[in-house]
Amino acid sequence: STLTSPTVLKEACKSTPSVFSGLISPVFTPFENNSINTEAITAKYAPELKIDGVSTVIVGFGEEGATLSLSERKDVIRTGAQISLKVCADISTQSSSELMELITFAESCGVSGVCI
């Protein structure tokens, strides 16, 4: 179901068992010529992490997310959802409306989870 408020999200987190196990790694977002290099994520970076035994990646992690525009954050989430690993999208933000937009977007992309 769609998560529509912070209260619903909090309750969902309490009642939902973790889908993550194994080696979990936050990853950086590669840039080239002042834009996100999505090909580097899908064609090179993710396969190398899988070979190294990583089972889940956290995209947009930490301060990186705060430095990306909303559009760039969505690009990272969309690209992350296309890789062959479980993906947790860090959607931390100071804006509750942006948070809800990112939750809805991440859910529509099919990521395995979000962290706030």
N, C-alpha and C. Protein backbone atom coordinates (compact mmCIF):
# COMPACT_ATOMS: atom_id res chain seq x y z
N SER A 1 0.83 -1.19 0.00
CA SER A 1 0.00 0.00 0.00
C SER A 1 0.87 1.24 0.00
N THR A 2 0.34 2.33 -0.48
CA THR A 2 1.09 3.58 -0.56
C THR A 2 1.23 4.18 0.83
N LEU A 3 2.43 4.62 1.14
CA LEU A 3 2.69 5.27 2.42
C LEU A 3 2.37 6.74 2.26
N THR A 4 1.39 7.23 3.02
CA THR A 4 0.90 8.58 2.79
C THR A 4 1.23 9.57 3.89
N SER A 5 1.78 9.15 4.99
CA SER A 5 2.12 10.10 6.04
C SER A 5 3.26 9.54 6.89
N PRO A 6 3.98 10.42 7.59
CA PRO A 6 5.05 9.92 8.47
C PRO A 6 4.53 8.93 9.52
N THR A 7 3.31 9.13 10.00
CA THR A 7 2.74 8.21 10.99
C THR A 7 2.54 6.82 10.39
N VAL A 8 2.02 6.77 9.17
CA VAL A 8 1.83 5.49 8.49
C VAL A 8 3.18 4.82 8.27
N LEU A 9 4.17 5.61 7.85
CA LEU A 9 5.51 5.07 7.63
C LEU A 9 6.08 4.49 8.93
N LYS A 10 5.95 5.21 10.01
CA LYS A 10 6.47 4.76 11.31
C LYS A 10 5.81 3.43 11.70
N GLU A 11 4.51 3.32 11.54
CA GLU A 11 3.79 2.09 11.88
C GLU A 11 4.19 0.95 10.94
N ALA A 12 4.40 1.27 9.66
CA ALA A 12 4.81 0.24 8.71
C ALA A 12 6.18 -0.30 9.09
N CYS A 13 7.06 0.57 9.53
CA CYS A 13 8.41 0.14 9.91
C CYS A 13 8.37 -0.77 11.14
N LYS A 14 7.47 -0.52 12.05
CA LYS A 14 7.35 -1.34 13.25
C LYS A 14 6.86 -2.75 12.92
N SER A 15 5.97 -2.86 11.94
CA SER A 15 5.32 -4.15 11.69
C SER A 15 5.91 -4.92 10.53
N THR A 16 6.86 -4.35 9.83
CA THR A 16 7.42 -5.01 8.66
C THR A 16 8.78 -5.62 8.99
N PRO A 17 8.93 -6.92 8.81
CA PRO A 17 10.25 -7.53 9.05
C PRO A 17 11.25 -7.03 8.01
N SER A 18 12.50 -7.00 8.38
CA SER A 18 13.54 -6.54 7.47
C SER A 18 13.67 -7.46 6.26
N VAL A 19 13.82 -6.86 5.09
CA VAL A 19 14.06 -7.64 3.88
C VAL A 19 15.54 -7.69 3.56
N PHE A 20 16.35 -7.08 4.41
CA PHE A 20 17.77 -6.98 4.15
C PHE A 20 18.57 -7.95 5.01
N SER A 21 19.54 -8.58 4.40
CA SER A 21 20.47 -9.44 5.12
C SER A 21 21.76 -9.48 4.33
N GLY A 22 22.81 -9.98 4.92
CA GLY A 22 24.08 -10.07 4.23
C GLY A 22 24.83 -8.75 4.27
N LEU A 23 25.74 -8.59 3.34
CA LEU A 23 26.58 -7.40 3.28
C LEU A 23 25.82 -6.25 2.65
N ILE A 24 25.68 -5.16 3.41
CA ILE A 24 24.96 -3.96 2.96
C ILE A 24 25.97 -2.83 2.86
N SER A 25 25.99 -2.16 1.70
CA SER A 25 26.99 -1.13 1.48
C SER A 25 26.38 0.17 0.97
N PRO A 26 26.67 1.29 1.64
CA PRO A 26 26.30 2.56 1.03
C PRO A 26 27.22 2.79 -0.16
N VAL A 27 26.70 3.38 -1.20
CA VAL A 27 27.50 3.60 -2.42
C VAL A 27 27.47 5.07 -2.81
N PHE A 28 28.48 5.48 -3.52
CA PHE A 28 28.54 6.86 -4.00
C PHE A 28 27.82 6.96 -5.34
N THR A 29 27.49 8.17 -5.71
CA THR A 29 26.88 8.42 -7.01
C THR A 29 27.95 8.96 -7.93
N PRO A 30 28.29 8.23 -8.99
CA PRO A 30 29.33 8.71 -9.90
C PRO A 30 28.82 9.84 -10.81
N PHE A 31 29.64 10.86 -10.94
CA PHE A 31 29.32 11.97 -11.83
C PHE A 31 30.33 12.02 -12.96
N GLU A 32 29.87 12.48 -14.11
CA GLU A 32 30.75 12.72 -15.25
C GLU A 32 30.19 13.93 -16.00
N ASN A 33 31.03 14.90 -16.26
CA ASN A 33 30.60 16.13 -16.96
C ASN A 33 29.41 16.79 -16.26
N ASN A 34 29.48 16.88 -14.93
CA ASN A 34 28.46 17.55 -14.11
C ASN A 34 27.08 16.91 -14.15
N SER A 35 27.00 15.63 -14.49
CA SER A 35 25.72 14.92 -14.41
C SER A 35 25.97 13.50 -13.90
N ILE A 36 24.92 12.88 -13.40
CA ILE A 36 25.04 11.53 -12.86
C ILE A 36 25.32 10.56 -13.99
N ASN A 37 26.32 9.73 -13.79
CA ASN A 37 26.70 8.73 -14.78
C ASN A 37 25.95 7.43 -14.44
N THR A 38 24.72 7.33 -14.91
CA THR A 38 23.90 6.17 -14.60
C THR A 38 24.47 4.88 -15.19
N GLU A 39 25.12 4.99 -16.33
CA GLU A 39 25.72 3.80 -16.96
C GLU A 39 26.81 3.20 -16.07
N ALA A 40 27.57 4.05 -15.40
CA ALA A 40 28.62 3.54 -14.50
C ALA A 40 28.00 2.75 -13.35
N ILE A 41 26.82 3.16 -12.90
CA ILE A 41 26.15 2.46 -11.80
C ILE A 41 25.69 1.09 -12.26
N THR A 42 24.98 1.03 -13.39
CA THR A 42 24.37 -0.22 -13.83
C THR A 42 25.35 -1.17 -14.51
N ALA A 43 26.25 -0.65 -15.31
CA ALA A 43 27.12 -1.51 -16.11
C ALA A 43 28.43 -1.89 -15.42
N LYS A 44 28.90 -1.05 -14.51
CA LYS A 44 30.20 -1.31 -13.91
C LYS A 44 30.16 -1.47 -12.40
N TYR A 45 29.62 -0.47 -11.72
CA TYR A 45 29.70 -0.42 -10.27
C TYR A 45 28.91 -1.55 -9.59
N ALA A 46 27.64 -1.70 -9.96
CA ALA A 46 26.80 -2.73 -9.33
C ALA A 46 27.32 -4.14 -9.56
N PRO A 47 27.72 -4.50 -10.78
CA PRO A 47 28.25 -5.86 -10.98
C PRO A 47 29.51 -6.14 -10.14
N GLU A 48 30.37 -5.14 -9.98
CA GLU A 48 31.57 -5.33 -9.16
C GLU A 48 31.20 -5.55 -7.70
N LEU A 49 30.22 -4.80 -7.21
CA LEU A 49 29.78 -4.98 -5.82
C LEU A 49 29.19 -6.38 -5.61
N LYS A 50 28.42 -6.85 -6.58
CA LYS A 50 27.83 -8.18 -6.48
C LYS A 50 28.92 -9.25 -6.42
N ILE A 51 29.94 -9.12 -7.26
CA ILE A 51 31.07 -10.06 -7.24
C ILE A 51 31.76 -10.04 -5.88
N ASP A 52 31.82 -8.86 -5.26
CA ASP A 52 32.46 -8.72 -3.95
C ASP A 52 31.58 -9.20 -2.80
N GLY A 53 30.39 -9.70 -3.09
CA GLY A 53 29.53 -10.27 -2.06
C GLY A 53 28.52 -9.32 -1.44
N VAL A 54 28.38 -8.13 -1.98
CA VAL A 54 27.38 -7.19 -1.47
C VAL A 54 26.01 -7.67 -1.91
N SER A 55 25.05 -7.67 -0.98
CA SER A 55 23.70 -8.10 -1.33
C SER A 55 22.72 -6.93 -1.42
N THR A 56 23.04 -5.83 -0.75
CA THR A 56 22.16 -4.66 -0.74
C THR A 56 23.01 -3.40 -0.81
N VAL A 57 22.56 -2.42 -1.59
CA VAL A 57 23.23 -1.12 -1.63
C VAL A 57 22.27 -0.06 -1.13
N ILE A 58 22.85 0.96 -0.52
CA ILE A 58 22.08 2.13 -0.09
C ILE A 58 22.49 3.26 -1.03
N VAL A 59 21.53 3.77 -1.80
CA VAL A 59 21.81 4.85 -2.75
C VAL A 59 21.39 6.19 -2.17
N GLY A 60 22.12 7.24 -2.58
CA GLY A 60 21.82 8.59 -2.09
C GLY A 60 22.12 8.75 -0.62
N PHE A 61 23.14 8.04 -0.14
CA PHE A 61 23.41 7.92 1.29
C PHE A 61 24.02 9.18 1.90
N GLY A 62 23.58 9.49 3.11
CA GLY A 62 24.20 10.54 3.92
C GLY A 62 24.13 11.91 3.30
N GLU A 63 25.22 12.63 3.41
CA GLU A 63 25.27 14.01 2.93
C GLU A 63 25.14 14.10 1.42
N GLU A 64 25.43 13.03 0.72
CA GLU A 64 25.31 13.06 -0.73
C GLU A 64 23.90 13.43 -1.15
N GLY A 65 22.91 12.82 -0.51
CA GLY A 65 21.53 13.12 -0.84
C GLY A 65 21.18 14.58 -0.66
N ALA A 66 21.77 15.21 0.35
CA ALA A 66 21.50 16.62 0.61
C ALA A 66 22.08 17.53 -0.46
N THR A 67 23.05 17.05 -1.20
CA THR A 67 23.69 17.89 -2.23
C THR A 67 23.09 17.67 -3.61
N LEU A 68 22.21 16.70 -3.75
CA LEU A 68 21.58 16.42 -5.05
C LEU A 68 20.23 17.13 -5.15
N SER A 69 19.89 17.55 -6.35
CA SER A 69 18.55 18.12 -6.58
C SER A 69 17.52 17.00 -6.47
N LEU A 70 16.26 17.37 -6.38
CA LEU A 70 15.20 16.36 -6.32
C LEU A 70 15.22 15.50 -7.58
N SER A 71 15.42 16.11 -8.71
CA SER A 71 15.50 15.37 -9.98
C SER A 71 16.68 14.39 -9.97
N GLU A 72 17.83 14.84 -9.48
CA GLU A 72 19.00 13.95 -9.41
C GLU A 72 18.76 12.81 -8.43
N ARG A 73 18.11 13.09 -7.32
CA ARG A 73 17.81 12.03 -6.35
C ARG A 73 16.92 10.97 -6.99
N LYS A 74 15.94 11.42 -7.77
CA LYS A 74 15.06 10.48 -8.46
C LYS A 74 15.83 9.67 -9.49
N ASP A 75 16.77 10.29 -10.18
CA ASP A 75 17.61 9.55 -11.14
C ASP A 75 18.39 8.45 -10.44
N VAL A 76 18.94 8.77 -9.27
CA VAL A 76 19.71 7.78 -8.50
C VAL A 76 18.80 6.63 -8.06
N ILE A 77 17.62 6.95 -7.56
CA ILE A 77 16.68 5.92 -7.12
C ILE A 77 16.25 5.06 -8.31
N ARG A 78 15.87 5.70 -9.41
CA ARG A 78 15.43 4.98 -10.61
C ARG A 78 16.53 4.05 -11.12
N THR A 79 17.74 4.56 -11.17
CA THR A 79 18.87 3.75 -11.65
C THR A 79 19.16 2.61 -10.68
N GLY A 80 19.15 2.91 -9.39
CA GLY A 80 19.38 1.87 -8.40
C GLY A 80 18.39 0.74 -8.50
N ALA A 81 17.14 1.07 -8.78
CA ALA A 81 16.10 0.05 -8.88
C ALA A 81 16.31 -0.90 -10.06
N GLN A 82 17.17 -0.52 -11.00
CA GLN A 82 17.41 -1.34 -12.19
C GLN A 82 18.54 -2.35 -12.00
N ILE A 83 19.27 -2.26 -10.90
CA ILE A 83 20.42 -3.17 -10.74
C ILE A 83 19.98 -4.49 -10.12
N SER A 84 20.88 -5.47 -10.15
CA SER A 84 20.53 -6.82 -9.72
C SER A 84 20.82 -7.08 -8.23
N LEU A 85 20.83 -6.02 -7.44
CA LEU A 85 20.99 -6.13 -5.99
C LEU A 85 19.77 -5.52 -5.33
N LYS A 86 19.55 -5.84 -4.06
CA LYS A 86 18.51 -5.14 -3.33
C LYS A 86 18.97 -3.70 -3.14
N VAL A 87 18.02 -2.79 -3.19
CA VAL A 87 18.35 -1.37 -3.07
C VAL A 87 17.52 -0.73 -1.99
N CYS A 88 18.21 -0.01 -1.11
CA CYS A 88 17.57 0.82 -0.10
C CYS A 88 17.90 2.27 -0.48
N ALA A 89 16.88 3.08 -0.67
CA ALA A 89 17.08 4.48 -1.05
C ALA A 89 17.07 5.36 0.18
N ASP A 90 18.15 6.11 0.39
CA ASP A 90 18.18 7.09 1.47
C ASP A 90 17.44 8.32 0.98
N ILE A 91 16.30 8.59 1.59
CA ILE A 91 15.46 9.70 1.14
C ILE A 91 15.37 10.80 2.20
N SER A 92 16.36 10.87 3.07
CA SER A 92 16.38 11.90 4.11
C SER A 92 16.30 13.28 3.50
N THR A 93 15.49 14.13 4.08
CA THR A 93 15.33 15.51 3.62
C THR A 93 14.75 16.35 4.74
N GLN A 94 14.91 17.64 4.61
CA GLN A 94 14.35 18.58 5.59
C GLN A 94 12.90 18.93 5.27
N SER A 95 12.43 18.55 4.10
CA SER A 95 11.09 18.91 3.63
C SER A 95 10.16 17.71 3.72
N SER A 96 9.07 17.84 4.47
CA SER A 96 8.13 16.72 4.58
C SER A 96 7.43 16.45 3.26
N SER A 97 7.14 17.48 2.47
CA SER A 97 6.49 17.23 1.18
C SER A 97 7.45 16.53 0.22
N GLU A 98 8.73 16.90 0.25
CA GLU A 98 9.72 16.21 -0.59
C GLU A 98 9.91 14.78 -0.12
N LEU A 99 9.88 14.57 1.19
CA LEU A 99 10.00 13.22 1.74
C LEU A 99 8.87 12.33 1.22
N MET A 100 7.66 12.82 1.28
CA MET A 100 6.53 12.02 0.83
C MET A 100 6.61 11.77 -0.68
N GLU A 101 7.08 12.76 -1.44
CA GLU A 101 7.25 12.57 -2.88
C GLU A 101 8.30 11.50 -3.17
N LEU A 102 9.40 11.52 -2.41
CA LEU A 102 10.45 10.53 -2.61
C LEU A 102 10.01 9.13 -2.17
N ILE A 103 9.23 9.04 -1.10
CA ILE A 103 8.70 7.74 -0.67
C ILE A 103 7.84 7.15 -1.78
N THR A 104 6.92 7.95 -2.30
CA THR A 104 6.03 7.49 -3.36
C THR A 104 6.82 7.11 -4.60
N PHE A 105 7.82 7.93 -4.96
CA PHE A 105 8.62 7.65 -6.14
C PHE A 105 9.43 6.36 -5.96
N ALA A 106 10.08 6.21 -4.81
CA ALA A 106 10.89 5.01 -4.55
C ALA A 106 10.01 3.75 -4.60
N GLU A 107 8.83 3.85 -4.03
CA GLU A 107 7.90 2.71 -4.07
C GLU A 107 7.51 2.39 -5.50
N SER A 108 7.27 3.40 -6.33
CA SER A 108 6.87 3.16 -7.71
C SER A 108 8.01 2.55 -8.54
N CYS A 109 9.25 2.82 -8.12
CA CYS A 109 10.42 2.26 -8.83
C CYS A 109 10.69 0.82 -8.41
N GLY A 110 10.15 0.41 -7.27
CA GLY A 110 10.33 -0.97 -6.83
C GLY A 110 11.56 -1.23 -5.99
N VAL A 111 12.11 -0.19 -5.34
CA VAL A 111 13.26 -0.44 -4.46
C VAL A 111 12.81 -1.31 -3.30
N SER A 112 13.76 -1.96 -2.66
CA SER A 112 13.44 -2.90 -1.57
C SER A 112 13.07 -2.19 -0.28
N GLY A 113 13.51 -0.95 -0.13
CA GLY A 113 13.20 -0.20 1.08
C GLY A 113 13.75 1.20 1.01
N VAL A 114 13.43 1.98 2.03
CA VAL A 114 13.95 3.34 2.14
C VAL A 114 14.52 3.54 3.54
N CYS A 115 15.44 4.46 3.65
CA CYS A 115 15.89 4.88 4.98
C CYS A 115 15.75 6.39 5.05
N ILE A 116 15.37 6.84 6.22
CA ILE A 116 15.07 8.25 6.40
C ILE A 116 16.03 8.83 7.44
